């Protein structure tokens, strides 16, 4: 069974939250990370997509 994970991506004033199995959220980091910062967030409580204050570019998180 895949445990859900969540990623938030921020583009200017907008944020997008992706919740799904790790392969899906890892793909999100790899694809969007070079252009927009992403951050791992709590999949059980992803919030309402408010802007994050501490985002790290995805390329530094995905190996």
PDB file of N, CA and C in Angstrom:
ATOM      1  N   UNK A   1       0.838  -1.188   0.000  1.00  0.00           N
ATOM      2  CA  UNK A   1       0.000   0.000   0.000  1.00  0.00           C
ATOM      3  C   UNK A   1       0.880   1.247   0.000  1.00  0.00           C
ATOM      4  N   UNK A   2       0.540   2.206  -0.820  1.00  0.00           N
ATOM      5  CA  UNK A   2       1.279   3.466  -0.876  1.00  0.00           C
ATOM      6  C   UNK A   2       0.733   4.438   0.149  1.00  0.00           C
ATOM      7  N   UNK A   3       1.601   4.924   1.007  1.00  0.00           N
ATOM      8  CA  UNK A   3       1.212   5.930   1.985  1.00  0.00           C
ATOM      9  C   UNK A   3       1.153   7.274   1.290  1.00  0.00           C
ATOM     10  N   UNK A   4       0.053   8.018   1.450  1.00  0.00           N
ATOM     11  CA  UNK A   4      -0.036   9.322   0.789  1.00  0.00           C
ATOM     12  C   UNK A   4       1.032  10.294   1.292  1.00  0.00           C
ATOM     13  N   UNK A   5       1.543  11.072   0.383  1.00  0.00           N
ATOM     14  CA  UNK A   5       2.445  12.174   0.705  1.00  0.00           C
ATOM     15  C   UNK A   5       1.870  13.423   0.053  1.00  0.00           C
ATOM     16  N   UNK A   6       2.388  14.569   0.427  1.00  0.00           N
ATOM     17  CA  UNK A   6       1.868  15.819  -0.130  1.00  0.00           C
ATOM     18  C   UNK A   6       3.017  16.768  -0.427  1.00  0.00           C
ATOM     19  N   UNK A   7       2.862  17.486  -1.517  1.00  0.00           N
ATOM     20  CA  UNK A   7       3.834  18.483  -1.966  1.00  0.00           C
ATOM     21  C   UNK A   7       3.075  19.768  -2.255  1.00  0.00           C
ATOM     22  N   UNK A   8       3.634  20.877  -1.846  1.00  0.00           N
ATOM     23  CA  UNK A   8       3.061  22.170  -2.204  1.00  0.00           C
ATOM     24  C   UNK A   8       4.044  22.894  -3.097  1.00  0.00           C
ATOM     25  N   UNK A   9       3.541  23.419  -4.205  1.00  0.00           N
ATOM     26  CA  UNK A   9       4.339  24.199  -5.149  1.00  0.00           C
ATOM     27  C   UNK A   9       3.801  25.619  -5.160  1.00  0.00           C
ATOM     28  N   UNK A  10       4.700  26.577  -5.119  1.00  0.00           N
ATOM     29  CA  UNK A  10       4.287  27.983  -5.109  1.00  0.00           C
ATOM     30  C   UNK A  10       4.801  28.674  -6.352  1.00  0.00           C
ATOM     31  N   UNK A  11       3.879  29.342  -7.049  1.00  0.00           N
ATOM     32  CA  UNK A  11       4.205  30.127  -8.238  1.00  0.00           C
ATOM     33  C   UNK A  11       3.656  31.523  -8.002  1.00  0.00           C
ATOM     34  N   UNK A  12       4.550  32.468  -7.811  1.00  0.00           N
ATOM     35  CA  UNK A  12       4.146  33.853  -7.506  1.00  0.00           C
ATOM     36  C   UNK A  12       3.191  33.837  -6.313  1.00  0.00           C
ATOM     37  N   UNK A  13       1.974  34.313  -6.497  1.00  0.00           N
ATOM     38  CA  UNK A  13       0.999  34.382  -5.406  1.00  0.00           C
ATOM     39  C   UNK A  13       0.137  33.131  -5.289  1.00  0.00           C
ATOM     40  N   UNK A  14       0.276  32.188  -6.206  1.00  0.00           N
ATOM     41  CA  UNK A  14      -0.568  30.985  -6.215  1.00  0.00           C
ATOM     42  C   UNK A  14       0.180  29.787  -5.643  1.00  0.00           C
ATOM     43  N   UNK A  15      -0.565  28.876  -5.011  1.00  0.00           N
ATOM     44  CA  UNK A  15       0.013  27.616  -4.561  1.00  0.00           C
ATOM     45  C   UNK A  15      -0.853  26.461  -5.053  1.00  0.00           C
ATOM     46  N   UNK A  16      -0.194  25.333  -5.258  1.00  0.00           N
ATOM     47  CA  UNK A  16      -0.876  24.113  -5.666  1.00  0.00           C
ATOM     48  C   UNK A  16      -0.407  23.007  -4.736  1.00  0.00           C
ATOM     49  N   UNK A  17      -1.345  22.219  -4.215  1.00  0.00           N
ATOM     50  CA  UNK A  17      -1.012  21.095  -3.358  1.00  0.00           C
ATOM     51  C   UNK A  17      -1.338  19.805  -4.099  1.00  0.00           C
ATOM     52  N   UNK A  18      -0.366  18.905  -4.141  1.00  0.00           N
ATOM     53  CA  UNK A  18      -0.551  17.591  -4.762  1.00  0.00           C
ATOM     54  C   UNK A  18      -0.450  16.555  -3.656  1.00  0.00           C
ATOM     55  N   UNK A  19      -1.496  15.731  -3.501  1.00  0.00           N
ATOM     56  CA  UNK A  19      -1.502  14.656  -2.520  1.00  0.00           C
ATOM     57  C   UNK A  19      -1.615  13.346  -3.270  1.00  0.00           C
ATOM     58  N   UNK A  20      -0.736  12.394  -2.951  1.00  0.00           N
ATOM     59  CA  UNK A  20      -0.784  11.105  -3.630  1.00  0.00           C
ATOM     60  C   UNK A  20       0.349  10.222  -3.154  1.00  0.00           C
ATOM     61  N   UNK A  21       0.521   9.075  -3.809  1.00  0.00           N
ATOM     62  CA  UNK A  21       1.640   8.211  -3.449  1.00  0.00           C
ATOM     63  C   UNK A  21       2.970   8.901  -3.756  1.00  0.00           C
ATOM     64  N   UNK A  22       4.013   8.503  -3.070  1.00  0.00           N
ATOM     65  CA  UNK A  22       5.319   9.156  -3.210  1.00  0.00           C
ATOM     66  C   UNK A  22       5.800   9.247  -4.663  1.00  0.00           C
ATOM     67  N   UNK A  23       5.590   8.241  -5.508  1.00  0.00           N
ATOM     68  CA  UNK A  23       6.038   8.419  -6.899  1.00  0.00           C
ATOM     69  C   UNK A  23       5.393   9.627  -7.597  1.00  0.00           C
ATOM     70  N   UNK A  24       4.155   9.926  -7.263  1.00  0.00           N
ATOM     71  CA  UNK A  24       3.466  11.066  -7.872  1.00  0.00           C
ATOM     72  C   UNK A  24       4.029  12.381  -7.347  1.00  0.00           C
ATOM     73  N   UNK A  25       4.198  12.484  -6.030  1.00  0.00           N
ATOM     74  CA  UNK A  25       4.708  13.740  -5.471  1.00  0.00           C
ATOM     75  C   UNK A  25       6.186  13.931  -5.812  1.00  0.00           C
ATOM     76  N   UNK A  26       6.941  12.837  -5.910  1.00  0.00           N
ATOM     77  CA  UNK A  26       8.349  12.950  -6.320  1.00  0.00           C
ATOM     78  C   UNK A  26       8.445  13.458  -7.760  1.00  0.00           C
ATOM     79  N   UNK A  27       7.556  12.965  -8.624  1.00  0.00           N
ATOM     80  CA  UNK A  27       7.528  13.459 -10.003  1.00  0.00           C
ATOM     81  C   UNK A  27       7.223  14.950 -10.024  1.00  0.00           C
ATOM     82  N   UNK A  28       6.287  15.372  -9.175  1.00  0.00           N
ATOM     83  CA  UNK A  28       5.932  16.798  -9.087  1.00  0.00           C
ATOM     84  C   UNK A  28       7.162  17.622  -8.726  1.00  0.00           C
ATOM     85  N   UNK A  29       7.930  17.153  -7.753  1.00  0.00           N
ATOM     86  CA  UNK A  29       9.155  17.862  -7.370  1.00  0.00           C
ATOM     87  C   UNK A  29      10.158  17.906  -8.514  1.00  0.00           C
ATOM     88  N   UNK A  30      10.354  16.781  -9.179  1.00  0.00           N
ATOM     89  CA  UNK A  30      11.333  16.748 -10.285  1.00  0.00           C
ATOM     90  C   UNK A  30      10.901  17.634 -11.447  1.00  0.00           C
ATOM     91  N   UNK A  31       9.622  17.638 -11.772  1.00  0.00           N
ATOM     92  CA  UNK A  31       9.144  18.374 -12.930  1.00  0.00           C
ATOM     93  C   UNK A  31       9.084  19.876 -12.669  1.00  0.00           C
ATOM     94  N   UNK A  32       8.493  20.276 -11.549  1.00  0.00           N
ATOM     95  CA  UNK A  32       8.281  21.699 -11.278  1.00  0.00           C
ATOM     96  C   UNK A  32       9.424  22.350 -10.502  1.00  0.00           C
ATOM     97  N   UNK A  33      10.207  21.555  -9.786  1.00  0.00           N
ATOM     98  CA  UNK A  33      11.255  22.080  -8.922  1.00  0.00           C
ATOM     99  C   UNK A  33      12.267  23.006  -9.565  1.00  0.00           C
ATOM    100  N   UNK A  34      12.704  22.737 -10.788  1.00  0.00           N
ATOM    101  CA  UNK A  34      13.678  23.646 -11.382  1.00  0.00           C
ATOM    102  C   UNK A  34      13.134  25.066 -11.609  1.00  0.00           C
ATOM    103  N   UNK A  35      11.817  25.217 -11.700  1.00  0.00           N
ATOM    104  CA  UNK A  35      11.231  26.534 -11.955  1.00  0.00           C
ATOM    105  C   UNK A  35      10.597  27.162 -10.722  1.00  0.00           C
ATOM    106  N   UNK A  36       9.926  26.357  -9.910  1.00  0.00           N
ATOM    107  CA  UNK A  36       9.196  26.898  -8.760  1.00  0.00           C
ATOM    108  C   UNK A  36       9.506  26.089  -7.516  1.00  0.00           C
ATOM    109  N   UNK A  37       9.612  26.751  -6.367  1.00  0.00           N
ATOM    110  CA  UNK A  37       9.925  26.037  -5.136  1.00  0.00           C
ATOM    111  C   UNK A  37       8.792  25.104  -4.708  1.00  0.00           C
ATOM    112  N   UNK A  38       9.174  23.972  -4.141  1.00  0.00           N
ATOM    113  CA  UNK A  38       8.209  23.021  -3.610  1.00  0.00           C
ATOM    114  C   UNK A  38       8.620  22.644  -2.193  1.00  0.00           C
ATOM    115  N   UNK A  39       7.676  22.120  -1.430  1.00  0.00           N
ATOM    116  CA  UNK A  39       7.962  21.683  -0.069  1.00  0.00           C
ATOM    117  C   UNK A  39       7.087  20.495   0.268  1.00  0.00           C
ATOM    118  N   UNK A  40       7.664  19.553   1.020  1.00  0.00           N
ATOM    119  CA  UNK A  40       6.869  18.455   1.556  1.00  0.00           C
ATOM    120  C   UNK A  40       5.970  19.021   2.647  1.00  0.00           C
ATOM    121  N   UNK A  41       4.713  18.607   2.665  1.00  0.00           N
ATOM    122  CA  UNK A  41       3.794  19.034   3.719  1.00  0.00           C
ATOM    123  C   UNK A  41       3.063  17.809   4.245  1.00  0.00           C
ATOM    124  N   UNK A  42       2.325  17.972   5.317  1.00  0.00           N
ATOM    125  CA  UNK A  42       1.588  16.884   5.957  1.00  0.00           C
ATOM    126  C   UNK A  42       0.432  16.437   5.070  1.00  0.00           C
ATOM    127  N   UNK A  43       0.474  15.189   4.610  1.00  0.00           N
ATOM    128  CA  UNK A  43      -0.576  14.683   3.720  1.00  0.00           C
ATOM    129  C   UNK A  43      -1.907  14.525   4.443  1.00  0.00           C
ATOM    130  N   UNK A  44      -1.870  14.313   5.755  1.00  0.00           N
ATOM    131  CA  UNK A  44      -3.113  14.157   6.516  1.00  0.00           C
ATOM    132  C   UNK A  44      -3.817  15.483   6.753  1.00  0.00           C
ATOM    133  N   UNK A  45      -3.068  16.575   6.673  1.00  0.00           N
ATOM    134  CA  UNK A  45      -3.648  17.901   6.883  1.00  0.00           C
ATOM    135  C   UNK A  45      -2.943  18.892   5.968  1.00  0.00           C
ATOM    136  N   UNK A  46      -3.243  18.833   4.652  1.00  0.00           N
ATOM    137  CA  UNK A  46      -2.515  19.695   3.714  1.00  0.00           C
ATOM    138  C   UNK A  46      -2.872  21.170   3.794  1.00  0.00           C
ATOM    139  N   UNK A  47      -3.864  21.530   4.592  1.00  0.00           N
ATOM    140  CA  UNK A  47      -4.227  22.938   4.740  1.00  0.00           C
ATOM    141  C   UNK A  47      -4.995  23.453   3.549  1.00  0.00           C
ATOM    142  N   UNK A  48      -5.048  24.751   3.446  1.00  0.00           N
ATOM    143  CA  UNK A  48      -5.852  25.381   2.395  1.00  0.00           C
ATOM    144  C   UNK A  48      -4.991  26.071   1.347  1.00  0.00           C
ATOM    145  N   UNK A  49      -3.777  25.569   1.165  1.00  0.00           N
ATOM    146  CA  UNK A  49      -2.849  26.078   0.144  1.00  0.00           C
ATOM    147  C   UNK A  49      -2.447  27.529   0.350  1.00  0.00           C
ATOM    148  N   UNK A  50      -2.329  27.934   1.616  1.00  0.00           N
ATOM    149  CA  UNK A  50      -1.797  29.271   1.878  1.00  0.00           C
ATOM    150  C   UNK A  50      -0.322  29.284   1.499  1.00  0.00           C
ATOM    151  N   UNK A  51       0.199  30.431   1.075  1.00  0.00           N
ATOM    152  CA  UNK A  51       1.610  30.494   0.695  1.00  0.00           C
ATOM    153  C   UNK A  51       2.518  30.055   1.837  1.00  0.00           C
ATOM    154  N   UNK A  52       3.567  29.354   1.505  1.00  0.00           N
ATOM    155  CA  UNK A  52       4.542  28.912   2.487  1.00  0.00           C
ATOM    156  C   UNK A  52       5.646  29.949   2.582  1.00  0.00           C
ATOM    157  N   UNK A  53       6.229  30.065   3.763  1.00  0.00           N
ATOM    158  CA  UNK A  53       7.287  31.051   3.927  1.00  0.00           C
ATOM    159  C   UNK A  53       8.666  30.441   3.740  1.00  0.00           C
ATOM    160  N   UNK A  54       8.822  29.126   3.950  1.00  0.00           N
ATOM    161  CA  UNK A  54      10.119  28.493   3.808  1.00  0.00           C
ATOM    162  C   UNK A  54      10.035  27.384   2.775  1.00  0.00           C
ATOM    163  N   UNK A  55      10.325  27.715   1.542  1.00  0.00           N
ATOM    164  CA  UNK A  55      10.315  26.731   0.474  1.00  0.00           C
ATOM    165  C   UNK A  55      11.722  26.508  -0.020  1.00  0.00           C
ATOM    166  N   UNK A  56      11.999  25.276  -0.368  1.00  0.00           N
ATOM    167  CA  UNK A  56      13.309  24.901  -0.890  1.00  0.00           C
ATOM    168  C   UNK A  56      13.123  24.400  -2.311  1.00  0.00           C
ATOM    169  N   UNK A  57      13.960  24.817  -3.249  1.00  0.00           N
ATOM    170  CA  UNK A  57      13.827  24.279  -4.595  1.00  0.00           C
ATOM    171  C   UNK A  57      13.881  22.760  -4.567  1.00  0.00           C
ATOM    172  N   UNK A  58      13.030  22.126  -5.331  1.00  0.00           N
ATOM    173  CA  UNK A  58      12.883  20.672  -5.296  1.00  0.00           C
ATOM    174  C   UNK A  58      14.173  19.946  -5.660  1.00  0.00           C
ATOM    175  N   UNK A  59      14.985  20.511  -6.537  1.00  0.00           N
ATOM    176  CA  UNK A  59      16.176  19.797  -6.964  1.00  0.00           C
ATOM    177  C   UNK A  59      17.119  19.529  -5.804  1.00  0.00           C
ATOM    178  N   UNK A  60      16.989  20.251  -4.704  1.00  0.00           N
ATOM    179  CA  UNK A  60      17.847  19.994  -3.555  1.00  0.00           C
ATOM    180  C   UNK A  60      17.253  18.909  -2.654  1.00  0.00           C
ATOM    181  N   UNK A  61      15.978  18.513  -2.886  1.00  0.00           N
ATOM    182  CA  UNK A  61      15.332  17.511  -2.053  1.00  0.00           C
ATOM    183  C   UNK A  61      15.267  16.153  -2.735  1.00  0.00           C
ATOM    184  N   UNK A  62      15.159  16.104  -4.042  1.00  0.00           N
ATOM    185  CA  UNK A  62      15.002  14.844  -4.762  1.00  0.00           C
ATOM    186  C   UNK A  62      16.362  14.306  -5.139  1.00  0.00           C
ATOM    187  N   UNK A  63      16.556  13.055  -4.911  1.00  0.00           N
ATOM    188  CA  UNK A  63      17.850  12.440  -5.239  1.00  0.00           C
ATOM    189  C   UNK A  63      17.676  11.466  -6.352  1.00  0.00           C
TER     190      UNK A  63
END
